[in-house]
Amino acid sequence: MAKHTANKGEHELKAKHSDRHSAKAVARQSSDSVKPKKAFEIDIFMGWCKSCGICAAFCPRECIGKDENGSPVVEDANRCTGCGWCESHCPDFAISVRPRNVKIVGPRDE
């Protein structure tokens, strides 16, 4: 009889493990197909900017670079994750990062 209860517990444990993995797979599939990529706009107010380069130095995704004069330029806003490091470290409050409205094209829009 002890063997029977041990096997029962073993089967329950395997069933829970299997259910958990299948639930994660279903959640991953549904979130991948529905979740749109977030996009951000980076605005640099050159009238306020003193071209210190802090925004370019702090950008973890290298969205902001410097031109030949050392002034910041947005090189690739599509890489921006909206972390706000550039905005929060700018001593001149000359940079703004905000969500961009992205139109999602579906079967009806095509």
PDB file of N, CA and C in Angstrom:
ATOM      1  N   MET A   1       0.810  -1.187   0.000  1.00  0.00           N
ATOM      2  CA  MET A   1       0.000   0.000   0.000  1.00  0.00           C
ATOM      3  C   MET A   1       0.858   1.259   0.000  1.00  0.00           C
ATOM      4  N   ALA A   2       2.000   1.215   0.632  1.00  0.00           N
ATOM      5  CA  ALA A   2       2.896   2.368   0.670  1.00  0.00           C
ATOM      6  C   ALA A   2       3.373   2.721  -0.735  1.00  0.00           C
ATOM      7  N   LYS A   3       3.597   1.688  -1.556  1.00  0.00           N
ATOM      8  CA  LYS A   3       4.013   1.951  -2.925  1.00  0.00           C
ATOM      9  C   LYS A   3       2.934   2.704  -3.691  1.00  0.00           C
ATOM     10  N   HIS A   4       1.694   2.331  -3.497  1.00  0.00           N
ATOM     11  CA  HIS A   4       0.589   2.969  -4.203  1.00  0.00           C
ATOM     12  C   HIS A   4       0.523   4.466  -3.889  1.00  0.00           C
ATOM     13  N   THR A   5       0.632   4.860  -2.629  1.00  0.00           N
ATOM     14  CA  THR A   5       0.560   6.280  -2.270  1.00  0.00           C
ATOM     15  C   THR A   5       1.771   7.041  -2.794  1.00  0.00           C
ATOM     16  N   ALA A   6       2.936   6.392  -2.804  1.00  0.00           N
ATOM     17  CA  ALA A   6       4.129   7.053  -3.340  1.00  0.00           C
ATOM     18  C   ALA A   6       3.960   7.299  -4.833  1.00  0.00           C
ATOM     19  N   ASN A   7       3.420   6.315  -5.556  1.00  0.00           N
ATOM     20  CA  ASN A   7       3.192   6.473  -6.980  1.00  0.00           C
ATOM     21  C   ASN A   7       2.139   7.545  -7.259  1.00  0.00           C
ATOM     22  N   LYS A   8       1.121   7.588  -6.425  1.00  0.00           N
ATOM     23  CA  LYS A   8       0.074   8.592  -6.597  1.00  0.00           C
ATOM     24  C   LYS A   8       0.654   9.995  -6.441  1.00  0.00           C
ATOM     25  N   GLY A   9       1.465  10.188  -5.412  1.00  0.00           N
ATOM     26  CA  GLY A   9       2.102  11.482  -5.193  1.00  0.00           C
ATOM     27  C   GLY A   9       3.046  11.845  -6.327  1.00  0.00           C
ATOM     28  N   GLU A  10       3.743  10.834  -6.843  1.00  0.00           N
ATOM     29  CA  GLU A  10       4.665  11.051  -7.951  1.00  0.00           C
ATOM     30  C   GLU A  10       3.901  11.489  -9.197  1.00  0.00           C
ATOM     31  N   HIS A  11       2.761  10.848  -9.466  1.00  0.00           N
ATOM     32  CA  HIS A  11       1.939  11.211 -10.630  1.00  0.00           C
ATOM     33  C   HIS A  11       1.375  12.618 -10.481  1.00  0.00           C
ATOM     34  N   GLU A  12       0.946  12.981  -9.274  1.00  0.00           N
ATOM     35  CA  GLU A  12       0.420  14.327  -9.048  1.00  0.00           C
ATOM     36  C   GLU A  12       1.491  15.375  -9.277  1.00  0.00           C
ATOM     37  N   LEU A  13       2.705  15.094  -8.809  1.00  0.00           N
ATOM     38  CA  LEU A  13       3.815  16.018  -8.986  1.00  0.00           C
ATOM     39  C   LEU A  13       4.130  16.195 -10.468  1.00  0.00           C
ATOM     40  N   LYS A  14       4.175  15.097 -11.224  1.00  0.00           N
ATOM     41  CA  LYS A  14       4.441  15.177 -12.658  1.00  0.00           C
ATOM     42  C   LYS A  14       3.329  15.927 -13.378  1.00  0.00           C
ATOM     43  N   ALA A  15       2.080  15.725 -12.981  1.00  0.00           N
ATOM     44  CA  ALA A  15       0.950  16.412 -13.603  1.00  0.00           C
ATOM     45  C   ALA A  15       1.029  17.912 -13.350  1.00  0.00           C
ATOM     46  N   LYS A  16       1.366  18.307 -12.116  1.00  0.00           N
ATOM     47  CA  LYS A  16       1.492  19.732 -11.804  1.00  0.00           C
ATOM     48  C   LYS A  16       2.611  20.360 -12.621  1.00  0.00           C
ATOM     49  N   HIS A  17       3.732  19.648 -12.736  1.00  0.00           N
ATOM     50  CA  HIS A  17       4.883  20.137 -13.490  1.00  0.00           C
ATOM     51  C   HIS A  17       4.499  20.314 -14.961  1.00  0.00           C
ATOM     52  N   SER A  18       3.807  19.338 -15.518  1.00  0.00           N
ATOM     53  CA  SER A  18       3.394  19.376 -16.908  1.00  0.00           C
ATOM     54  C   SER A  18       2.403  20.511 -17.152  1.00  0.00           C
ATOM     55  N   ASP A  19       1.419  20.673 -16.250  1.00  0.00           N
ATOM     56  CA  ASP A  19       0.425  21.736 -16.383  1.00  0.00           C
ATOM     57  C   ASP A  19       1.083  23.113 -16.340  1.00  0.00           C
ATOM     58  N   ARG A  20       2.061  23.274 -15.455  1.00  0.00           N
ATOM     59  CA  ARG A  20       2.726  24.561 -15.314  1.00  0.00           C
ATOM     60  C   ARG A  20       3.470  24.926 -16.591  1.00  0.00           C
ATOM     61  N   HIS A  21       4.171  23.956 -17.190  1.00  0.00           N
ATOM     62  CA  HIS A  21       4.909  24.235 -18.410  1.00  0.00           C
ATOM     63  C   HIS A  21       3.984  24.513 -19.577  1.00  0.00           C
ATOM     64  N   SER A  22       2.878  23.794 -19.678  1.00  0.00           N
ATOM     65  CA  SER A  22       1.951  24.038 -20.780  1.00  0.00           C
ATOM     66  C   SER A  22       1.255  25.384 -20.605  1.00  0.00           C
ATOM     67  N   ALA A  23       0.960  25.778 -19.372  1.00  0.00           N
ATOM     68  CA  ALA A  23       0.344  27.088 -19.128  1.00  0.00           C
ATOM     69  C   ALA A  23       1.308  28.207 -19.504  1.00  0.00           C
ATOM     70  N   LYS A  24       2.604  28.043 -19.201  1.00  0.00           N
ATOM     71  CA  LYS A  24       3.596  29.046 -19.580  1.00  0.00           C
ATOM     72  C   LYS A  24       3.695  29.149 -21.094  1.00  0.00           C
ATOM     73  N   ALA A  25       3.662  28.016 -21.787  1.00  0.00           N
ATOM     74  CA  ALA A  25       3.763  28.019 -23.243  1.00  0.00           C
ATOM     75  C   ALA A  25       2.568  28.730 -23.864  1.00  0.00           C
ATOM     76  N   VAL A  26       1.387  28.475 -23.357  1.00  0.00           N
ATOM     77  CA  VAL A  26       0.180  29.126 -23.870  1.00  0.00           C
ATOM     78  C   VAL A  26       0.252  30.628 -23.609  1.00  0.00           C
ATOM     79  N   ALA A  27       0.671  31.033 -22.411  1.00  0.00           N
ATOM     80  CA  ALA A  27       0.788  32.449 -22.081  1.00  0.00           C
ATOM     81  C   ALA A  27       1.820  33.126 -22.973  1.00  0.00           C
ATOM     82  N   ARG A  28       2.933  32.455 -23.227  1.00  0.00           N
ATOM     83  CA  ARG A  28       3.983  33.016 -24.069  1.00  0.00           C
ATOM     84  C   ARG A  28       3.479  33.194 -25.497  1.00  0.00           C
ATOM     85  N   GLN A  29       2.759  32.201 -26.032  1.00  0.00           N
ATOM     86  CA  GLN A  29       2.247  32.284 -27.390  1.00  0.00           C
ATOM     87  C   GLN A  29       1.238  33.409 -27.519  1.00  0.00           C
ATOM     88  N   SER A  30       0.332  33.549 -26.559  1.00  0.00           N
ATOM     89  CA  SER A  30      -0.693  34.580 -26.664  1.00  0.00           C
ATOM     90  C   SER A  30      -0.096  35.968 -26.500  1.00  0.00           C
ATOM     91  N   SER A  31       0.897  36.122 -25.612  1.00  0.00           N
ATOM     92  CA  SER A  31       1.489  37.442 -25.423  1.00  0.00           C
ATOM     93  C   SER A  31       2.361  37.831 -26.613  1.00  0.00           C
ATOM     94  N   ASP A  32       3.024  36.872 -27.254  1.00  0.00           N
ATOM     95  CA  ASP A  32       3.852  37.173 -28.414  1.00  0.00           C
ATOM     96  C   ASP A  32       3.011  37.634 -29.587  1.00  0.00           C
ATOM     97  N   SER A  33       1.852  37.069 -29.781  1.00  0.00           N
ATOM     98  CA  SER A  33       1.050  37.390 -30.943  1.00  0.00           C
ATOM     99  C   SER A  33       0.228  38.666 -30.761  1.00  0.00           C
ATOM    100  N   VAL A  34      -0.019  39.099 -29.535  1.00  0.00           N
ATOM    101  CA  VAL A  34      -0.888  40.243 -29.288  1.00  0.00           C
ATOM    102  C   VAL A  34      -0.115  41.502 -28.906  1.00  0.00           C
ATOM    103  N   LYS A  35       0.992  41.352 -28.258  1.00  0.00           N
ATOM    104  CA  LYS A  35       1.715  42.473 -27.669  1.00  0.00           C
ATOM    105  C   LYS A  35       2.494  43.268 -28.722  1.00  0.00           C
ATOM    106  N   PRO A  36       2.103  44.524 -28.979  1.00  0.00           N
ATOM    107  CA  PRO A  36       2.847  45.331 -29.944  1.00  0.00           C
ATOM    108  C   PRO A  36       4.117  45.888 -29.310  1.00  0.00           C
ATOM    109  N   LYS A  37       5.111  46.177 -30.121  1.00  0.00           N
ATOM    110  CA  LYS A  37       6.364  46.747 -29.638  1.00  0.00           C
ATOM    111  C   LYS A  37       6.117  48.210 -29.268  1.00  0.00           C
ATOM    112  N   LYS A  38       6.602  48.604 -28.103  1.00  0.00           N
ATOM    113  CA  LYS A  38       6.465  49.990 -27.692  1.00  0.00           C
ATOM    114  C   LYS A  38       7.486  50.825 -28.442  1.00  0.00           C
ATOM    115  N   ALA A  39       7.079  52.019 -28.835  1.00  0.00           N
ATOM    116  CA  ALA A  39       7.966  52.923 -29.552  1.00  0.00           C
ATOM    117  C   ALA A  39       8.007  54.256 -28.810  1.00  0.00           C
ATOM    118  N   PHE A  40       9.135  54.925 -28.900  1.00  0.00           N
ATOM    119  CA  PHE A  40       9.325  56.174 -28.175  1.00  0.00           C
ATOM    120  C   PHE A  40       9.899  57.241 -29.085  1.00  0.00           C
ATOM    121  N   GLU A  41       9.550  58.486 -28.790  1.00  0.00           N
ATOM    122  CA  GLU A  41      10.123  59.631 -29.484  1.00  0.00           C
ATOM    123  C   GLU A  41      11.115  60.295 -28.554  1.00  0.00           C
ATOM    124  N   ILE A  42      12.238  60.707 -29.108  1.00  0.00           N
ATOM    125  CA  ILE A  42      13.263  61.412 -28.349  1.00  0.00           C
ATOM    126  C   ILE A  42      13.365  62.807 -28.939  1.00  0.00           C
ATOM    127  N   ASP A  43      13.077  63.811 -28.141  1.00  0.00           N
ATOM    128  CA  ASP A  43      13.177  65.199 -28.578  1.00  0.00           C
ATOM    129  C   ASP A  43      14.315  65.875 -27.840  1.00  0.00           C
ATOM    130  N   ILE A  44      15.178  66.542 -28.594  1.00  0.00           N
ATOM    131  CA  ILE A  44      16.279  67.307 -28.008  1.00  0.00           C
ATOM    132  C   ILE A  44      16.020  68.776 -28.312  1.00  0.00           C
ATOM    133  N   PHE A  45      15.898  69.579 -27.287  1.00  0.00           N
ATOM    134  CA  PHE A  45      15.649  71.006 -27.431  1.00  0.00           C
ATOM    135  C   PHE A  45      17.001  71.715 -27.507  1.00  0.00           C
ATOM    136  N   MET A  46      17.469  71.967 -28.723  1.00  0.00           N
ATOM    137  CA  MET A  46      18.813  72.492 -28.934  1.00  0.00           C
ATOM    138  C   MET A  46      18.999  73.887 -28.347  1.00  0.00           C
ATOM    139  N   GLY A  47      17.943  74.661 -28.178  1.00  0.00           N
ATOM    140  CA  GLY A  47      18.044  75.978 -27.560  1.00  0.00           C
ATOM    141  C   GLY A  47      18.458  75.897 -26.095  1.00  0.00           C
ATOM    142  N   TRP A  48      18.149  74.804 -25.442  1.00  0.00           N
ATOM    143  CA  TRP A  48      18.494  74.613 -24.026  1.00  0.00           C
ATOM    144  C   TRP A  48      19.779  73.819 -23.855  1.00  0.00           C
ATOM    145  N   CYS A  49      20.141  73.045 -24.868  1.00  0.00           N
ATOM    146  CA  CYS A  49      21.261  72.100 -24.780  1.00  0.00           C
ATOM    147  C   CYS A  49      22.613  72.812 -24.847  1.00  0.00           C
ATOM    148  N   LYS A  50      23.534  72.442 -23.953  1.00  0.00           N
ATOM    149  CA  LYS A  50      24.896  72.992 -24.005  1.00  0.00           C
ATOM    150  C   LYS A  50      25.889  71.975 -24.564  1.00  0.00           C
ATOM    151  N   SER A  51      25.390  70.891 -25.146  1.00  0.00           N
ATOM    152  CA  SER A  51      26.195  69.865 -25.810  1.00  0.00           C
ATOM    153  C   SER A  51      27.222  69.204 -24.889  1.00  0.00           C
ATOM    154  N   CYS A  52      26.793  68.874 -23.678  1.00  0.00           N
ATOM    155  CA  CYS A  52      27.703  68.235 -22.719  1.00  0.00           C
ATOM    156  C   CYS A  52      27.946  66.770 -23.056  1.00  0.00           C
ATOM    157  N   GLY A  53      27.003  66.106 -23.763  1.00  0.00           N
ATOM    158  CA  GLY A  53      27.166  64.716 -24.166  1.00  0.00           C
ATOM    159  C   GLY A  53      26.720  63.692 -23.141  1.00  0.00           C
ATOM    160  N   ILE A  54      26.162  64.156 -22.031  1.00  0.00           N
ATOM    161  CA  ILE A  54      25.729  63.218 -20.992  1.00  0.00           C
ATOM    162  C   ILE A  54      24.630  62.284 -21.506  1.00  0.00           C
ATOM    163  N   CYS A  55      23.712  62.804 -22.288  1.00  0.00           N
ATOM    164  CA  CYS A  55      22.616  61.969 -22.807  1.00  0.00           C
ATOM    165  C   CYS A  55      23.157  60.836 -23.673  1.00  0.00           C
ATOM    166  N   ALA A  56      24.123  61.146 -24.530  1.00  0.00           N
ATOM    167  CA  ALA A  56      24.719  60.123 -25.394  1.00  0.00           C
ATOM    168  C   ALA A  56      25.509  59.113 -24.566  1.00  0.00           C
ATOM    169  N   ALA A  57      26.178  59.582 -23.532  1.00  0.00           N
ATOM    170  CA  ALA A  57      26.977  58.692 -22.694  1.00  0.00           C
ATOM    171  C   ALA A  57      26.115  57.739 -21.873  1.00  0.00           C
ATOM    172  N   PHE A  58      24.936  58.204 -21.424  1.00  0.00           N
ATOM    173  CA  PHE A  58      24.084  57.380 -20.572  1.00  0.00           C
ATOM    174  C   PHE A  58      23.107  56.491 -21.324  1.00  0.00           C
ATOM    175  N   CYS A  59      22.908  56.697 -22.611  1.00  0.00           N
ATOM    176  CA  CYS A  59      21.928  55.902 -23.359  1.00  0.00           C
ATOM    177  C   CYS A  59      22.414  54.455 -23.489  1.00  0.00           C
ATOM    178  N   PRO A  60      21.743  53.501 -22.841  1.00  0.00           N
ATOM    179  CA  PRO A  60      22.192  52.108 -22.891  1.00  0.00           C
ATOM    180  C   PRO A  60      21.993  51.450 -24.250  1.00  0.00           C
ATOM    181  N   ARG A  61      21.115  51.995 -25.070  1.00  0.00           N
ATOM    182  CA  ARG A  61      20.837  51.404 -26.387  1.00  0.00           C
ATOM    183  C   ARG A  61      21.510  52.177 -27.520  1.00  0.00           C
ATOM    184  N   GLU A  62      22.301  53.199 -27.171  1.00  0.00           N
ATOM    185  CA  GLU A  62      23.022  54.023 -28.144  1.00  0.00           C
ATOM    186  C   GLU A  62      22.093  54.643 -29.185  1.00  0.00           C
ATOM    187  N   CYS A  63      20.953  55.136 -28.725  1.00  0.00           N
ATOM    188  CA  CYS A  63      19.996  55.813 -29.597  1.00  0.00           C
ATOM    189  C   CYS A  63      20.443  57.239 -29.890  1.00  0.00           C
ATOM    190  N   ILE A  64      21.203  57.799 -28.972  1.00  0.00           N
ATOM    191  CA  ILE A  64      21.660  59.176 -29.093  1.00  0.00           C
ATOM    192  C   ILE A  64      23.169  59.167 -29.310  1.00  0.00           C
ATOM    193  N   GLY A  65      23.600  59.924 -30.300  1.00  0.00           N
ATOM    194  CA  GLY A  65      25.023  60.059 -30.584  1.00  0.00           C
ATOM    195  C   GLY A  65      25.382  61.529 -30.618  1.00  0.00           C
ATOM    196  N   LYS A  66      26.582  61.824 -31.082  1.00  0.00           N
ATOM    197  CA  LYS A  66      27.019  63.211 -31.193  1.00  0.00           C
ATOM    198  C   LYS A  66      27.436  63.499 -32.629  1.00  0.00           C
ATOM    199  N   ASP A  67      27.129  64.701 -33.099  1.00  0.00           N
ATOM    200  CA  ASP A  67      27.542  65.085 -34.441  1.00  0.00           C
ATOM    201  C   ASP A  67      28.974  65.612 -34.409  1.00  0.00           C
ATOM    202  N   GLU A  68      29.443  66.136 -35.540  1.00  0.00           N
ATOM    203  CA  GLU A  68      30.831  66.597 -35.632  1.00  0.00           C
ATOM    204  C   GLU A  68      31.147  67.773 -34.702  1.00  0.00           C
ATOM    205  N   ASN A  69      30.110  68.492 -34.249  1.00  0.00           N
ATOM    206  CA  ASN A  69      30.309  69.610 -33.320  1.00  0.00           C
ATOM    207  C   ASN A  69      30.163  69.186 -31.860  1.00  0.00           C
ATOM    208  N   GLY A  70      29.839  67.920 -31.629  1.00  0.00           N
ATOM    209  CA  GLY A  70      29.647  67.419 -30.271  1.00  0.00           C
ATOM    210  C   GLY A  70      28.229  67.589 -29.757  1.00  0.00           C
ATOM    211  N   SER A  71      27.339  68.053 -30.614  1.00  0.00           N
ATOM    212  CA  SER A  71      25.935  68.219 -30.228  1.00  0.00           C
ATOM    213  C   SER A  71      25.220  66.873 -30.331  1.00  0.00           C
ATOM    214  N   PRO A  72      24.285  66.613 -29.433  1.00  0.00           N
ATOM    215  CA  PRO A  72      23.571  65.329 -29.482  1.00  0.00           C
ATOM    216  C   PRO A  72      22.613  65.245 -30.668  1.00  0.00           C
ATOM    217  N   VAL A  73      22.525  64.058 -31.237  1.00  0.00           N
ATOM    218  CA  VAL A  73      21.579  63.778 -32.315  1.00  0.00           C
ATOM    219  C   VAL A  73      20.925  62.427 -32.037  1.00  0.00           C
ATOM    220  N   VAL A  74      19.674  62.317 -32.425  1.00  0.00           N
ATOM    221  CA  VAL A  74      18.965  61.040 -32.299  1.00  0.00           C
ATOM    222  C   VAL A  74      19.393  60.191 -33.490  1.00  0.00           C
ATOM    223  N   GLU A  75      20.109  59.117 -33.200  1.00  0.00           N
ATOM    224  CA  GLU A  75      20.607  58.251 -34.269  1.00  0.00           C
ATOM    225  C   GLU A  75      19.613  57.170 -34.655  1.00  0.00           C
ATOM    226  N   ASP A  76      18.946  56.563 -33.657  1.00  0.00           N
ATOM    227  CA  ASP A  76      17.986  55.506 -33.959  1.00  0.00           C
ATOM    228  C   ASP A  76      16.939  55.432 -32.846  1.00  0.00           C
ATOM    229  N   ALA A  77      15.854  56.174 -32.992  1.00  0.00           N
ATOM    230  CA  ALA A  77      14.788  56.198 -31.984  1.00  0.00           C
ATOM    231  C   ALA A  77      14.064  54.860 -31.883  1.00  0.00           C
ATOM    232  N   ASN A  78      14.135  54.041 -32.915  1.00  0.00           N
ATOM    233  CA  ASN A  78      13.468  52.730 -32.882  1.00  0.00           C
ATOM    234  C   ASN A  78      14.108  51.775 -31.876  1.00  0.00           C
ATOM    235  N   ARG A  79      15.348  52.025 -31.499  1.00  0.00           N
ATOM    236  CA  ARG A  79      16.025  51.186 -30.507  1.00  0.00           C
ATOM    237  C   ARG A  79      15.668  51.593 -29.085  1.00  0.00           C
ATOM    238  N   CYS A  80      15.066  52.756 -28.899  1.00  0.00           N
ATOM    239  CA  CYS A  80      14.777  53.302 -27.569  1.00  0.00           C
ATOM    240  C   CYS A  80      13.770  52.429 -26.816  1.00  0.00           C
ATOM    241  N   THR A  81      14.098  52.151 -25.546  1.00  0.00           N
ATOM    242  CA  THR A  81      13.204  51.376 -24.690  1.00  0.00           C
ATOM    243  C   THR A  81      12.413  52.264 -23.732  1.00  0.00           C
ATOM    244  N   GLY A  82      12.675  53.572 -23.774  1.00  0.00           N
ATOM    245  CA  GLY A  82      11.954  54.493 -22.907  1.00  0.00           C
ATOM    246  C   GLY A  82      12.430  54.487 -21.467  1.00  0.00           C
ATOM    247  N   CYS A  83      13.668  54.067 -21.232  1.00  0.00           N
ATOM    248  CA  CYS A  83      14.176  53.966 -19.860  1.00  0.00           C
ATOM    249  C   CYS A  83      14.301  55.332 -19.185  1.00  0.00           C
ATOM    250  N   GLY A  84      14.529  56.385 -19.968  1.00  0.00           N
ATOM    251  CA  GLY A  84      14.581  57.739 -19.423  1.00  0.00           C
ATOM    252  C   GLY A  84      15.915  58.147 -18.827  1.00  0.00           C
ATOM    253  N   TRP A  85      16.954  57.339 -19.012  1.00  0.00           N
ATOM    254  CA  TRP A  85      18.267  57.694 -18.461  1.00  0.00           C
ATOM    255  C   TRP A  85      18.753  59.021 -19.030  1.00  0.00           C
ATOM    256  N   CYS A  86      18.626  59.207 -20.317  1.00  0.00           N
ATOM    257  CA  CYS A  86      19.093  60.449 -20.948  1.00  0.00           C
ATOM    258  C   CYS A  86      18.335  61.652 -20.390  1.00  0.00           C
ATOM    259  N   GLU A  87      17.041  61.505 -20.282  1.00  0.00           N
ATOM    260  CA  GLU A  87      16.171  62.587 -19.810  1.00  0.00           C
ATOM    261  C   GLU A  87      16.455  62.936 -18.343  1.00  0.00           C
ATOM    262  N   SER A  88      16.625  61.942 -17.509  1.00  0.00           N
ATOM    263  CA  SER A  88      16.816  62.203 -16.083  1.00  0.00           C
ATOM    264  C   SER A  88      18.220  62.698 -15.746  1.00  0.00           C
ATOM    265  N   HIS A  89      19.203  62.460 -16.617  1.00  0.00           N
ATOM    266  CA  HIS A  89      20.566  62.906 -16.347  1.00  0.00           C
ATOM    267  C   HIS A  89      20.937  64.215 -17.047  1.00  0.00           C
ATOM    268  N   CYS A  90      20.078  64.728 -17.887  1.00  0.00           N
ATOM    269  CA  CYS A  90      20.378  65.975 -18.601  1.00  0.00           C
ATOM    270  C   CYS A  90      20.326  67.150 -17.627  1.00  0.00           C
ATOM    271  N   PRO A  91      21.443  67.858 -17.448  1.00  0.00           N
ATOM    272  CA  PRO A  91      21.460  68.985 -16.505  1.00  0.00           C
ATOM    273  C   PRO A  91      20.683  70.196 -17.007  1.00  0.00           C
ATOM    274  N   ASP A  92      20.379  70.234 -18.293  1.00  0.00           N
ATOM    275  CA  ASP A  92      19.686  71.381 -18.884  1.00  0.00           C
ATOM    276  C   ASP A  92      18.198  71.125 -19.138  1.00  0.00           C
ATOM    277  N   PHE A  93      17.712  69.934 -18.797  1.00  0.00           N
ATOM    278  CA  PHE A  93      16.320  69.538 -19.071  1.00  0.00           C
ATOM    279  C   PHE A  93      15.988  69.723 -20.550  1.00  0.00           C
ATOM    280  N   ALA A  94      16.973  69.431 -21.401  1.00  0.00           N
ATOM    281  CA  ALA A  94      16.846  69.684 -22.831  1.00  0.00           C
ATOM    282  C   ALA A  94      16.419  68.457 -23.630  1.00  0.00           C
ATOM    283  N   ILE A  95      16.083  67.372 -22.960  1.00  0.00           N
ATOM    284  CA  ILE A  95      15.712  66.153 -23.678  1.00  0.00           C
ATOM    285  C   ILE A  95      14.419  65.584 -23.109  1.00  0.00           C
ATOM    286  N   SER A  96      13.606  65.059 -23.998  1.00  0.00           N
ATOM    287  CA  SER A  96      12.317  64.498 -23.602  1.00  0.00           C
ATOM    288  C   SER A  96      12.118  63.162 -24.311  1.00  0.00           C
ATOM    289  N   VAL A  97      11.697  62.172 -23.555  1.00  0.00           N
ATOM    290  CA  VAL A  97      11.387  60.850 -24.119  1.00  0.00           C
ATOM    291  C   VAL A  97       9.938  60.565 -23.795  1.00  0.00           C
ATOM    292  N   ARG A  98       9.144  60.271 -24.825  1.00  0.00           N
ATOM    293  CA  ARG A  98       7.729  59.987 -24.599  1.00  0.00           C
ATOM    294  C   ARG A  98       7.256  58.890 -25.547  1.00  0.00           C
ATOM    295  N   PRO A  99       6.207  58.179 -25.148  1.00  0.00           N
ATOM    296  CA  PRO A  99       5.684  57.106 -26.009  1.00  0.00           C
ATOM    297  C   PRO A  99       5.193  57.667 -27.340  1.00  0.00           C
ATOM    298  N   ARG A 100       5.452  56.920 -28.384  1.00  0.00           N
ATOM    299  CA  ARG A 100       5.008  57.290 -29.721  1.00  0.00           C
ATOM    300  C   ARG A 100       3.751  56.499 -30.037  1.00  0.00           C
ATOM    301  N   ASN A 101       2.798  57.134 -30.671  1.00  0.00           N
ATOM    302  CA  ASN A 101       1.594  56.425 -31.099  1.00  0.00           C
ATOM    303  C   ASN A 101       1.931  55.618 -32.346  1.00  0.00           C
ATOM    304  N   VAL A 102       1.750  54.306 -32.235  1.00  0.00           N
ATOM    305  CA  VAL A 102       2.052  53.408 -33.341  1.00  0.00           C
ATOM    306  C   VAL A 102       0.749  52.776 -33.798  1.00  0.00           C
ATOM    307  N   LYS A 103       0.487  52.896 -35.088  1.00  0.00           N
ATOM    308  CA  LYS A 103      -0.709  52.278 -35.646  1.00  0.00           C
ATOM    309  C   LYS A 103      -0.398  50.821 -35.953  1.00  0.00           C
ATOM    310  N   ILE A 104      -1.238  49.933 -35.420  1.00  0.00           N
ATOM    311  CA  ILE A 104      -1.074  48.508 -35.658  1.00  0.00           C
ATOM    312  C   ILE A 104      -1.920  48.135 -36.874  1.00  0.00           C
ATOM    313  N   VAL A 105      -1.275  47.599 -37.879  1.00  0.00           N
ATOM    314  CA  VAL A 105      -1.965  47.219 -39.110  1.00  0.00           C
ATOM    315  C   VAL A 105      -2.486  45.799 -38.935  1.00  0.00           C
ATOM    316  N   GLY A 106      -3.785  45.656 -39.084  1.00  0.00           N
ATOM    317  CA  GLY A 106      -4.408  44.347 -38.971  1.00  0.00           C
ATOM    318  C   GLY A 106      -5.002  43.917 -40.289  1.00  0.00           C
ATOM    319  N   PRO A 107      -5.671  42.783 -40.333  1.00  0.00           N
ATOM    320  CA  PRO A 107      -6.264  42.283 -41.569  1.00  0.00           C
ATOM    321  C   PRO A 107      -7.297  43.234 -42.180  1.00  0.00           C
ATOM    322  N   ARG A 108      -7.993  43.978 -41.329  1.00  0.00           N
ATOM    323  CA  ARG A 108      -9.019  44.897 -41.834  1.00  0.00           C
ATOM    324  C   ARG A 108      -8.399  46.145 -42.453  1.00  0.00           C
ATOM    325  N   ASP A 109      -7.202  46.546 -41.981  1.00  0.00           N
ATOM    326  CA  ASP A 109      -6.559  47.766 -42.448  1.00  0.00           C
ATOM    327  C   ASP A 109      -5.799  47.602 -43.758  1.00  0.00           C
ATOM    328  N   GLU A 110      -5.521  46.377 -44.133  1.00  0.00           N
ATOM    329  CA  GLU A 110      -4.688  46.137 -45.320  1.00  0.00           C
ATOM    330  C   GLU A 110      -5.420  46.344 -46.602  1.00  0.00           C
TER     331      GLU A 110
END
